C-alpha atoms as a PDB file:
ATOM      1  CA  MET A   1       5.931  -9.091  77.272  1.00  0.00           C
ATOM      2  CA  MET A   2       6.471  -6.192  74.457  1.00  0.00           C
ATOM      3  CA  SER A   3       8.880  -5.872  72.109  1.00  0.00           C
ATOM      4  CA  PHE A   4       9.811  -2.566  71.786  1.00  0.00           C
ATOM      5  CA  PRO A   5      12.596  -2.750  68.862  1.00  0.00           C
ATOM      6  CA  ILE A   6      10.215  -4.629  66.843  1.00  0.00           C
ATOM      7  CA  TRP A   7       6.637  -2.838  67.226  1.00  0.00           C
ATOM      8  CA  LEU A   8       7.368   0.664  66.921  1.00  0.00           C
ATOM      9  CA  PRO A   9       9.124   0.849  63.354  1.00  0.00           C
ATOM     10  CA  ALA A  10       6.383  -1.918  61.967  1.00  0.00           C
ATOM     11  CA  THR A  11       3.261   0.190  63.160  1.00  0.00           C
ATOM     12  CA  LEU A  12       4.985   3.225  61.752  1.00  0.00           C
ATOM     13  CA  MET A  13       5.244   1.377  58.703  1.00  0.00           C
ATOM     14  CA  ALA A  14       1.911  -0.106  58.829  1.00  0.00           C
ATOM     15  CA  GLY A  15       0.246   3.433  59.090  1.00  0.00           C
ATOM     16  CA  GLY A  16       2.316   4.568  55.860  1.00  0.00           C
ATOM     17  CA  LEU A  17       1.601   1.783  53.576  1.00  0.00           C
ATOM     18  CA  GLN A  18      -2.196   1.766  54.658  1.00  0.00           C
ATOM     19  CA  ALA A  19      -2.350   5.241  54.065  1.00  0.00           C
ATOM     20  CA  TRP A  20      -0.993   4.629  50.545  1.00  0.00           C
ATOM     21  CA  ARG A  21      -3.142   1.353  49.863  1.00  0.00           C
ATOM     22  CA  THR A  22      -6.489   3.390  51.162  1.00  0.00           C
ATOM     23  CA  ALA A  23      -5.690   6.022  48.549  1.00  0.00           C
ATOM     24  CA  ILE A  24      -5.388   3.571  45.680  1.00  0.00           C
ATOM     25  CA  GLN A  25      -8.194   1.173  46.843  1.00  0.00           C
ATOM     26  CA  ARG A  26     -10.508   4.579  46.878  1.00  0.00           C
ATOM     27  CA  ARG A  27      -9.786   5.328  43.023  1.00  0.00           C
ATOM     28  CA  VAL A  28     -10.862   1.371  42.417  1.00  0.00           C
ATOM     29  CA  SER A  29     -13.860   1.867  44.356  1.00  0.00           C
ATOM     30  CA  LYS A  30     -14.961   4.364  41.555  1.00  0.00           C
ATOM     31  CA  GLU A  31     -15.040   1.760  39.406  1.00  0.00           C
ATOM     32  CA  LEU A  32     -15.834  -1.249  41.424  1.00  0.00           C
ATOM     33  CA  SER A  33     -18.986  -2.412  43.990  1.00  0.00           C
ATOM     34  CA  VAL A  34     -18.191  -2.229  47.603  1.00  0.00           C
ATOM     35  CA  ASN A  35     -17.842  -6.093  47.727  1.00  0.00           C
ATOM     36  CA  ALA A  36     -15.733  -5.734  44.911  1.00  0.00           C
ATOM     37  CA  ALA A  37     -13.396  -3.260  45.862  1.00  0.00           C
ATOM     38  CA  GLY A  38     -12.858  -5.218  49.131  1.00  0.00           C
ATOM     39  CA  LEU A  39     -11.857  -8.204  47.714  1.00  0.00           C
ATOM     40  CA  VAL A  40      -9.120  -7.119  45.733  1.00  0.00           C
ATOM     41  CA  ARG A  41      -6.759  -6.319  48.814  1.00  0.00           C
ATOM     42  CA  TYR A  42      -7.214 -10.156  49.733  1.00  0.00           C
ATOM     43  CA  LEU A  43      -7.200 -11.741  46.046  1.00  0.00           C
ATOM     44  CA  TYR A  44      -4.359  -9.711  44.838  1.00  0.00           C
ATOM     45  CA  GLY A  45      -2.838  -9.812  48.461  1.00  0.00           C
ATOM     46  CA  LEU A  46      -2.956 -13.167  48.788  1.00  0.00           C
ATOM     47  CA  PRO A  47       0.293 -14.264  46.987  1.00  0.00           C
ATOM     48  CA  PHE A  48       2.162 -11.663  48.074  1.00  0.00           C
ATOM     49  CA  THR A  49       1.425 -12.799  51.661  1.00  0.00           C
ATOM     50  CA  MET A  50       2.555 -16.177  50.373  1.00  0.00           C
ATOM     51  CA  LEU A  51       5.769 -14.765  49.240  1.00  0.00           C
ATOM     52  CA  LEU A  52       6.544 -12.927  52.651  1.00  0.00           C
ATOM     53  CA  LEU A  53       5.883 -15.896  54.533  1.00  0.00           C
ATOM     54  CA  GLY A  54       8.271 -18.109  52.326  1.00  0.00           C
ATOM     55  CA  GLY A  55      11.207 -15.753  52.226  1.00  0.00           C
ATOM     56  CA  TYR A  56      10.803 -15.310  55.904  1.00  0.00           C
ATOM     57  CA  ARG A  57      11.130 -18.829  56.319  1.00  0.00           C
ATOM     58  CA  MET A  58      14.230 -18.826  54.042  1.00  0.00           C
ATOM     59  CA  LEU A  59      16.172 -16.455  55.860  1.00  0.00           C
ATOM     60  CA  PHE A  60      15.394 -17.535  59.292  1.00  0.00           C
ATOM     61  CA  ALA A  61      14.723 -21.302  59.071  1.00  0.00           C
ATOM     62  CA  THR A  62      12.956 -21.814  62.664  1.00  0.00           C
ATOM     63  CA  PRO A  63      10.964 -24.596  63.309  1.00  0.00           C
ATOM     64  CA  LEU A  64       7.263 -23.868  62.081  1.00  0.00           C
ATOM     65  CA  PRO A  65       5.326 -23.810  65.236  1.00  0.00           C
ATOM     66  CA  SER A  66       1.924 -26.285  66.205  1.00  0.00           C
ATOM     67  CA  PRO A  67      -0.990 -23.758  66.546  1.00  0.00           C
ATOM     68  CA  ASP A  68      -3.900 -24.408  69.046  1.00  0.00           C
ATOM     69  CA  PRO A  69      -7.158 -25.334  67.144  1.00  0.00           C
ATOM     70  CA  LEU A  70      -8.618 -22.150  68.698  1.00  0.00           C
ATOM     71  CA  PHE A  71      -6.018 -20.503  66.139  1.00  0.00           C
ATOM     72  CA  LEU A  72      -8.526 -20.926  63.220  1.00  0.00           C
ATOM     73  CA  LEU A  73     -11.046 -19.788  64.913  1.00  0.00           C
ATOM     74  CA  PHE A  74      -9.583 -16.324  65.937  1.00  0.00           C
ATOM     75  CA  CYS A  75      -8.226 -16.283  62.377  1.00  0.00           C
ATOM     76  CA  LEU A  76     -11.738 -16.368  61.183  1.00  0.00           C
ATOM     77  CA  GLY A  77     -13.439 -13.905  63.354  1.00  0.00           C
ATOM     78  CA  GLY A  78     -10.551 -11.284  62.760  1.00  0.00           C
ATOM     79  CA  GLY A  79     -10.469 -11.664  58.942  1.00  0.00           C
ATOM     80  CA  LEU A  80     -14.864 -11.460  59.129  1.00  0.00           C
ATOM     81  CA  ALA A  81     -14.175  -8.244  60.992  1.00  0.00           C
ATOM     82  CA  GLN A  82     -11.989  -6.975  58.716  1.00  0.00           C
ATOM     83  CA  ILE A  83     -14.076  -7.538  55.990  1.00  0.00           C
ATOM     84  CA  ILE A  84     -16.797  -6.177  57.397  1.00  0.00           C
ATOM     85  CA  ALA A  85     -14.693  -2.786  58.507  1.00  0.00           C
ATOM     86  CA  THR A  86     -13.261  -2.321  55.043  1.00  0.00           C
ATOM     87  CA  ASN A  87     -16.782  -2.429  53.276  1.00  0.00           C
ATOM     88  CA  LEU A  88     -17.959   0.079  55.743  1.00  0.00           C
ATOM     89  CA  LEU A  89     -14.842   2.453  55.296  1.00  0.00           C
ATOM     90  CA  ILE A  90     -15.080   2.547  51.392  1.00  0.00           C
ATOM     91  CA  MET A  91     -19.007   3.208  51.855  1.00  0.00           C
ATOM     92  CA  ALA A  92     -17.552   5.945  54.224  1.00  0.00           C
ATOM     93  CA  PHE A  93     -15.736   7.611  51.291  1.00  0.00           C
ATOM     94  CA  ALA A  94     -18.637   8.015  49.228  1.00  0.00           C
ATOM     95  CA  TYR A  95     -20.449  10.260  52.089  1.00  0.00           C
ATOM     96  CA  ARG A  96     -17.385  12.550  52.659  1.00  0.00           C
ATOM     97  CA  ASN A  97     -14.209  12.968  51.272  1.00  0.00           C
ATOM     98  CA  PHE A  98     -10.774  10.658  51.889  1.00  0.00           C
ATOM     99  CA  VAL A  99      -9.527  12.503  54.769  1.00  0.00           C
ATOM    100  CA  VAL A 100     -12.552  12.330  56.750  1.00  0.00           C
ATOM    101  CA  GLY A 101     -13.513   8.918  55.693  1.00  0.00           C
ATOM    102  CA  THR A 102     -10.410   7.674  57.354  1.00  0.00           C
ATOM    103  CA  ALA A 103     -10.575   9.874  60.597  1.00  0.00           C
ATOM    104  CA  TYR A 104     -13.833   8.800  61.989  1.00  0.00           C
ATOM    105  CA  ALA A 105     -12.442   5.150  60.935  1.00  0.00           C
ATOM    106  CA  LYS A 106      -9.171   6.147  63.332  1.00  0.00           C
ATOM    107  CA  THR A 107     -11.991   6.341  66.646  1.00  0.00           C
ATOM    108  CA  GLU A 108     -10.840   2.724  66.392  1.00  0.00           C
ATOM    109  CA  ALA A 109      -7.908   3.933  68.626  1.00  0.00           C
ATOM    110  CA  VAL A 110     -10.299   4.501  71.867  1.00  0.00           C
ATOM    111  CA  GLN A 111     -12.613   1.723  70.593  1.00  0.00           C
ATOM    112  CA  GLY A 112      -9.963  -0.679  71.033  1.00  0.00           C
ATOM    113  CA  ALA A 113      -8.391   0.367  74.111  1.00  0.00           C
ATOM    114  CA  ILE A 114     -11.651  -0.193  75.848  1.00  0.00           C
ATOM    115  CA  LEU A 115     -12.313  -3.656  73.858  1.00  0.00           C
ATOM    116  CA  SER A 116      -8.883  -4.987  74.637  1.00  0.00           C
ATOM    117  CA  PHE A 117      -9.152  -4.106  78.305  1.00  0.00           C
ATOM    118  CA  LEU A 118     -12.788  -5.720  78.285  1.00  0.00           C
ATOM    119  CA  LEU A 119     -11.957  -8.584  76.424  1.00  0.00           C
ATOM    120  CA  MET A 120      -7.908  -8.912  77.278  1.00  0.00           C
ATOM    121  CA  GLY A 121      -7.307  -7.231  80.569  1.00  0.00           C
ATOM    122  CA  GLU A 122      -4.846  -5.109  78.921  1.00  0.00           C
ATOM    123  CA  ARG A 123      -4.272  -2.093  80.758  1.00  0.00           C
ATOM    124  CA  LEU A 124      -2.298   1.357  79.592  1.00  0.00           C
ATOM    125  CA  HIS A 125      -0.274   4.119  81.767  1.00  0.00           C
ATOM    126  CA  PRO A 126      -2.375   7.129  82.131  1.00  0.00           C
ATOM    127  CA  LEU A 127       0.139   9.172  79.871  1.00  0.00           C
ATOM    128  CA  ALA A 128      -1.352   6.557  77.176  1.00  0.00           C
ATOM    129  CA  TRP A 129      -5.142   7.711  78.094  1.00  0.00           C
ATOM    130  CA  ALA A 130      -4.121  11.232  77.501  1.00  0.00           C
ATOM    131  CA  GLY A 131      -2.835  10.172  74.102  1.00  0.00           C
ATOM    132  CA  ILE A 132      -5.787   8.723  73.183  1.00  0.00           C
ATOM    133  CA  GLY A 133      -7.747  11.651  74.300  1.00  0.00           C
ATOM    134  CA  CYS A 134      -5.446  14.029  72.378  1.00  0.00           C
ATOM    135  CA  GLY A 135      -5.695  11.900  69.460  1.00  0.00           C
ATOM    136  CA  VAL A 136      -9.481  11.283  69.353  1.00  0.00           C
ATOM    137  CA  MET A 137      -9.546  15.414  69.608  1.00  0.00           C
ATOM    138  CA  GLY A 138      -7.228  15.627  66.745  1.00  0.00           C
ATOM    139  CA  VAL A 139      -9.645  12.823  64.735  1.00  0.00           C
ATOM    140  CA  MET A 140     -12.570  14.868  65.421  1.00  0.00           C
ATOM    141  CA  LEU A 141     -11.404  18.158  64.434  1.00  0.00           C
ATOM    142  CA  LEU A 142     -10.497  16.456  61.197  1.00  0.00           C
ATOM    143  CA  SER A 143     -13.784  15.029  60.835  1.00  0.00           C
ATOM    144  CA  THR A 144     -15.249  18.563  60.437  1.00  0.00           C
ATOM    145  CA  GLY A 145     -13.916  19.189  57.128  1.00  0.00           C
ATOM    146  CA  GLY A 146     -12.964  22.892  58.041  1.00  0.00           C
ATOM    147  CA  LYS A 147     -16.058  23.909  59.176  1.00  0.00           C
ATOM    148  CA  ARG A 148     -16.879  25.659  62.281  1.00  0.00           C
ATOM    149  CA  MET A 149     -19.260  23.595  64.469  1.00  0.00           C
ATOM    150  CA  GLY A 150     -20.807  24.254  67.820  1.00  0.00           C
ATOM    151  CA  PRO A 151     -21.775  21.492  70.314  1.00  0.00           C
ATOM    152  CA  MET A 152     -25.278  20.938  68.727  1.00  0.00           C
ATOM    153  CA  ASP A 153     -23.683  21.082  65.005  1.00  0.00           C
ATOM    154  CA  PHE A 154     -20.940  18.333  65.885  1.00  0.00           C
ATOM    155  CA  ALA A 155     -23.932  16.203  67.821  1.00  0.00           C
ATOM    156  CA  ARG A 156     -25.827  16.280  64.698  1.00  0.00           C
ATOM    157  CA  ALA A 157     -22.540  15.566  62.624  1.00  0.00           C
ATOM    158  CA  LEU A 158     -22.186  12.537  64.761  1.00  0.00           C
ATOM    159  CA  GLY A 159     -25.653  11.458  63.395  1.00  0.00           C
ATOM    160  CA  GLN A 160     -24.614  11.629  59.641  1.00  0.00           C
ATOM    161  CA  PRO A 161     -24.060   8.469  57.774  1.00  0.00           C
ATOM    162  CA  ALA A 162     -20.179   9.239  57.089  1.00  0.00           C
ATOM    163  CA  ALA A 163     -19.571   9.780  60.732  1.00  0.00           C
ATOM    164  CA  LEU A 164     -21.745   6.188  61.606  1.00  0.00           C
ATOM    165  CA  THR A 165     -20.286   3.977  58.958  1.00  0.00           C
ATOM    166  CA  GLY A 166     -16.726   5.512  59.597  1.00  0.00           C
ATOM    167  CA  ILE A 167     -17.356   5.054  63.563  1.00  0.00           C
ATOM    168  CA  ALA A 168     -18.914   1.568  62.656  1.00  0.00           C
ATOM    169  CA  SER A 169     -15.580   0.804  60.743  1.00  0.00           C
ATOM    170  CA  GLY A 170     -13.236   1.893  63.874  1.00  0.00           C
ATOM    171  CA  PHE A 171     -15.245  -0.722  65.722  1.00  0.00           C
ATOM    172  CA  PHE A 172     -14.698  -3.799  63.520  1.00  0.00           C
ATOM    173  CA  PHE A 173     -10.869  -2.376  62.994  1.00  0.00           C
ATOM    174  CA  ALA A 174     -10.586  -2.858  67.003  1.00  0.00           C
ATOM    175  CA  LEU A 175     -12.303  -6.237  66.950  1.00  0.00           C
ATOM    176  CA  THR A 176      -9.789  -7.481  64.151  1.00  0.00           C
ATOM    177  CA  ALA A 177      -6.768  -5.973  66.089  1.00  0.00           C
ATOM    178  CA  ILE A 178      -8.110  -7.851  69.081  1.00  0.00           C
ATOM    179  CA  GLY A 179      -8.657 -11.532  67.060  1.00  0.00           C
ATOM    180  CA  ILE A 180      -5.346 -11.085  65.392  1.00  0.00           C
ATOM    181  CA  ARG A 181      -3.627 -10.727  68.756  1.00  0.00           C
ATOM    182  CA  ARG A 182      -5.443 -13.777  70.047  1.00  0.00           C
ATOM    183  CA  ALA A 183      -4.676 -15.805  67.155  1.00  0.00           C
ATOM    184  CA  THR A 184      -0.729 -14.696  67.243  1.00  0.00           C
ATOM    185  CA  GLN A 185      -0.750 -15.909  70.866  1.00  0.00           C
ATOM    186  CA  GLU A 186      -2.292 -19.335  69.585  1.00  0.00           C
ATOM    187  CA  VAL A 187       0.327 -19.987  67.153  1.00  0.00           C
ATOM    188  CA  GLY A 188       2.634 -20.511  69.843  1.00  0.00           C
ATOM    189  CA  GLY A 189       7.156 -20.508  69.340  1.00  0.00           C
ATOM    190  CA  ASN A 190       9.290 -18.105  70.093  1.00  0.00           C
ATOM    191  CA  ASP A 191       9.201 -16.169  66.817  1.00  0.00           C
ATOM    192  CA  PRO A 192       6.672 -13.433  66.767  1.00  0.00           C
ATOM    193  CA  VAL A 193       6.973 -12.021  63.464  1.00  0.00           C
ATOM    194  CA  LEU A 194       7.014 -15.711  62.122  1.00  0.00           C
ATOM    195  CA  ALA A 195       3.708 -16.196  63.907  1.00  0.00           C
ATOM    196  CA  ALA A 196       2.364 -12.843  62.628  1.00  0.00           C
ATOM    197  CA  LEU A 197       2.874 -14.023  58.980  1.00  0.00           C
ATOM    198  CA  ILE A 198       1.464 -17.600  59.864  1.00  0.00           C
ATOM    199  CA  VAL A 199      -1.894 -15.612  60.574  1.00  0.00           C
ATOM    200  CA  LEU A 200      -1.753 -13.250  57.720  1.00  0.00           C
ATOM    201  CA  ALA A 201      -1.417 -15.800  55.446  1.00  0.00           C
ATOM    202  CA  VAL A 202      -4.426 -18.031  57.067  1.00  0.00           C
ATOM    203  CA  THR A 203      -6.629 -14.760  57.276  1.00  0.00           C
ATOM    204  CA  VAL A 204      -6.133 -13.588  53.885  1.00  0.00           C
ATOM    205  CA  ALA A 205      -6.827 -17.214  52.589  1.00  0.00           C
ATOM    206  CA  MET A 206      -9.951 -16.895  54.532  1.00  0.00           C
ATOM    207  CA  GLN A 207     -10.889 -13.760  53.752  1.00  0.00           C
ATOM    208  CA  THR A 208     -10.395 -14.396  49.753  1.00  0.00           C
ATOM    209  CA  ALA A 209     -12.850 -17.373  50.050  1.00  0.00           C
ATOM    210  CA  MET A 210     -15.592 -15.512  52.257  1.00  0.00           C
ATOM    211  CA  GLN A 211     -15.586 -12.602  50.335  1.00  0.00           C
ATOM    212  CA  GLY A 212     -14.682 -14.000  46.580  1.00  0.00           C
ATOM    213  CA  GLY A 213     -17.409 -16.691  47.560  1.00  0.00           C
ATOM    214  CA  PHE A 214     -20.076 -13.814  48.508  1.00  0.00           C
ATOM    215  CA  LEU A 215     -19.029 -11.754  45.467  1.00  0.00           C
ATOM    216  CA  LEU A 216     -19.737 -14.649  42.976  1.00  0.00           C
ATOM    217  CA  LEU A 217     -23.042 -15.500  44.641  1.00  0.00           C
ATOM    218  CA  ARG A 218     -24.576 -11.794  44.961  1.00  0.00           C
ATOM    219  CA  GLU A 219     -22.733  -9.733  42.176  1.00  0.00           C
ATOM    220  CA  PRO A 220     -21.006 -12.218  39.935  1.00  0.00           C
ATOM    221  CA  GLY A 221     -20.852  -9.467  37.243  1.00  0.00           C
ATOM    222  CA  GLN A 222     -18.200  -7.453  39.280  1.00  0.00           C
ATOM    223  CA  MET A 223     -15.644 -10.408  39.420  1.00  0.00           C
ATOM    224  CA  GLY A 224     -14.643  -9.815  35.489  1.00  0.00           C
ATOM    225  CA  ARG A 225     -14.200  -6.158  36.691  1.00  0.00           C
ATOM    226  CA  VAL A 226     -11.994  -7.332  39.699  1.00  0.00           C
ATOM    227  CA  PHE A 227      -9.496  -9.134  37.158  1.00  0.00           C
ATOM    228  CA  ARG A 228      -9.756  -6.235  34.589  1.00  0.00           C
ATOM    229  CA  ASN A 229      -8.512  -3.805  36.981  1.00  0.00           C
ATOM    230  CA  TRP A 230      -5.967  -5.858  37.579  1.00  0.00           C
ATOM    231  CA  ARG A 231      -2.726  -3.359  37.465  1.00  0.00           C
ATOM    232  CA  VAL A 232      -4.372  -0.921  39.865  1.00  0.00           C
ATOM    233  CA  SER A 233      -5.595  -3.822  42.123  1.00  0.00           C
ATOM    234  CA  GLY A 234      -2.536  -5.680  42.095  1.00  0.00           C
ATOM    235  CA  GLN A 235      -0.859  -2.630  43.644  1.00  0.00           C
ATOM    236  CA  VAL A 236      -3.443  -2.505  46.531  1.00  0.00           C
ATOM    237  CA  GLY A 237      -2.965  -6.188  47.155  1.00  0.00           C
ATOM    238  CA  LEU A 238       1.081  -5.485  47.462  1.00  0.00           C
ATOM    239  CA  LEU A 239       0.502  -2.366  49.703  1.00  0.00           C
ATOM    240  CA  SER A 240      -2.232  -4.628  51.767  1.00  0.00           C
ATOM    241  CA  SER A 241       0.162  -7.445  52.447  1.00  0.00           C
ATOM    242  CA  LEU A 242       2.745  -5.385  53.076  1.00  0.00           C
ATOM    243  CA  GLY A 243       0.863  -3.057  55.527  1.00  0.00           C
ATOM    244  CA  SER A 244      -0.537  -6.305  57.086  1.00  0.00           C
ATOM    245  CA  ALA A 245       2.198  -8.002  57.894  1.00  0.00           C
ATOM    246  CA  CYS A 246       3.674  -4.967  59.393  1.00  0.00           C
ATOM    247  CA  TRP A 247       0.255  -4.480  61.659  1.00  0.00           C
ATOM    248  CA  PHE A 248       0.323  -7.870  62.343  1.00  0.00           C
ATOM    249  CA  THR A 249       3.798  -7.834  63.778  1.00  0.00           C
ATOM    250  CA  GLY A 250       2.662  -4.816  66.058  1.00  0.00           C
ATOM    251  CA  PHE A 251      -0.183  -6.640  67.187  1.00  0.00           C
ATOM    252  CA  ALA A 252       2.057 -10.008  67.801  1.00  0.00           C
ATOM    253  CA  THR A 253       4.616  -7.950  70.209  1.00  0.00           C
ATOM    254  CA  ALA A 254       2.805  -5.224  71.829  1.00  0.00           C
ATOM    255  CA  PRO A 255      -0.760  -4.290  73.423  1.00  0.00           C
ATOM    256  CA  VAL A 256      -3.646  -3.493  70.708  1.00  0.00           C
ATOM    257  CA  ALA A 257      -4.678  -0.702  72.533  1.00  0.00           C
ATOM    258  CA  LEU A 258      -0.537   0.604  72.282  1.00  0.00           C
ATOM    259  CA  VAL A 259      -0.392  -0.330  68.433  1.00  0.00           C
ATOM    260  CA  ARG A 260      -3.768   1.771  67.631  1.00  0.00           C
ATOM    261  CA  ILE A 261      -2.662   4.436  69.044  1.00  0.00           C
ATOM    262  CA  VAL A 262       0.584   4.984  67.350  1.00  0.00           C
ATOM    263  CA  GLY A 263      -0.811   3.564  64.109  1.00  0.00           C
ATOM    264  CA  GLN A 264      -3.130   6.906  64.205  1.00  0.00           C
ATOM    265  CA  ILE A 265      -0.029   8.394  62.586  1.00  0.00           C
ATOM    266  CA  GLU A 266      -1.364   7.141  59.434  1.00  0.00           C
ATOM    267  CA  VAL A 267      -3.990  10.256  59.654  1.00  0.00           C
ATOM    268  CA  ALA A 268      -0.676  12.255  58.476  1.00  0.00           C
ATOM    269  CA  PHE A 269       0.340  10.018  55.772  1.00  0.00           C
ATOM    270  CA  THR A 270      -3.666  10.115  54.847  1.00  0.00           C
ATOM    271  CA  LEU A 271      -3.646  13.911  54.794  1.00  0.00           C
ATOM    272  CA  GLY A 272      -0.582  13.711  52.407  1.00  0.00           C
ATOM    273  CA  PHE A 273      -1.907  11.303  49.759  1.00  0.00           C
ATOM    274  CA  GLY A 274      -5.224  13.433  49.840  1.00  0.00           C
ATOM    275  CA  HIS A 275      -3.496  16.506  49.231  1.00  0.00           C
ATOM    276  CA  PHE A 276      -0.828  15.021  46.602  1.00  0.00           C
ATOM    277  CA  TYR A 277      -2.368  12.259  45.047  1.00  0.00           C
ATOM    278  CA  LEU A 278      -6.179  12.808  45.145  1.00  0.00           C
ATOM    279  CA  GLY A 279      -5.698  16.486  44.792  1.00  0.00           C
ATOM    280  CA  GLU A 280      -8.065  17.260  47.571  1.00  0.00           C
ATOM    281  CA  ARG A 281      -7.427  20.415  49.569  1.00  0.00           C
ATOM    282  CA  MET A 282      -5.641  20.887  53.243  1.00  0.00           C
ATOM    283  CA  ARG A 283      -7.550  23.090  55.530  1.00  0.00           C
ATOM    284  CA  ARG A 284      -6.007  24.972  58.549  1.00  0.00           C
ATOM    285  CA  SER A 285      -8.029  22.719  61.010  1.00  0.00           C
ATOM    286  CA  GLU A 286      -6.617  19.369  59.294  1.00  0.00           C
ATOM    287  CA  VAL A 287      -3.061  20.806  60.206  1.00  0.00           C
ATOM    288  CA  VAL A 288      -4.263  21.811  63.890  1.00  0.00           C
ATOM    289  CA  GLY A 289      -6.021  18.060  63.853  1.00  0.00           C
ATOM    290  CA  LEU A 290      -2.930  16.839  62.709  1.00  0.00           C
ATOM    291  CA  ILE A 291      -0.404  18.369  65.445  1.00  0.00           C
ATOM    292  CA  LEU A 292      -2.879  16.812  68.282  1.00  0.00           C
ATOM    293  CA  VAL A 293      -2.952  13.496  66.498  1.00  0.00           C
ATOM    294  CA  ALA A 294       0.793  13.686  66.504  1.00  0.00           C
ATOM    295  CA  GLY A 295       0.693  14.742  70.465  1.00  0.00           C
ATOM    296  CA  GLY A 296      -1.211  12.250  71.117  1.00  0.00           C
ATOM    297  CA  VAL A 297       1.303   9.810  69.755  1.00  0.00           C
ATOM    298  CA  VAL A 298       3.972  10.971  71.767  1.00  0.00           C
ATOM    299  CA  LEU A 299       2.046  10.930  75.069  1.00  0.00           C
ATOM    300  CA  ALA A 300       1.298   7.128  73.943  1.00  0.00           C
ATOM    301  CA  LEU A 301       5.098   6.431  73.575  1.00  0.00           C
ATOM    302  CA  MET A 302       5.848   8.544  77.013  1.00  0.00           C
ATOM    303  CA  GLY A 303       3.454   5.827  78.522  1.00  0.00           C
ATOM    304  CA  SER A 304       4.506   2.909  77.147  1.00  0.00           C
ATOM    305  CA  LEU A 305       8.249   3.781  78.193  1.00  0.00           C
END
């Protein structure tokens, strides 16, 4: 059952926090390798995640649930998918600018809708599907980077490295959402926010071990840089933990596809950070694309009601 008062503000907050975190992480990626830049969000996010869980338990002293053993498997699968998705997104930034890289990754909305239907049987109202179409049109317009493109030009653009890595990133982010939603369902109990925070803490701990271990084995020299950049990396960790807590709450209380559609509002925050924080020029096509994305969000919300 969907908890409307919780999932909607959580998803909107998640979009803003993720755009902020990604903008800062792009700065970090200029000084670190792809794997090291990915690690900072988990390594520095873990302490904040534990504080969030502990603080919530202090405020709401509800009994701890007894998760099903499958809980750990879904946390592991979702966490690994997120590592791959984040690395692919960082790679996309290297090919194109911040806004375009994020735009390709935002195809996760339609990919998530299809995967959640095939894997979990989640169905959407026709208005929500119309919202997906509208949002994807906006995202694709953003991906052109302001260039006039015919059908053949657009088809060729989809074969470029930025498009391939961005779309692949969206696919793995969609798998992440499905894994996290299934993990929260296996936690049990009557408090979806507590379930989301438990899944978050376990997943981030696993991700820190997985990507940290990989970095030590394959790029040991990068580990020192991760710790030397603690001032900026700490900001990435804080924003990552807060944003993930909001995303996980959304996944725990609403269908994956609906959360991801509304989460496309992140593109609006991305344009703002790309323009004001990173100094990237905003084009007319990006404004039109933003309007289409916003229209898709409105249609999705109408469908959910």
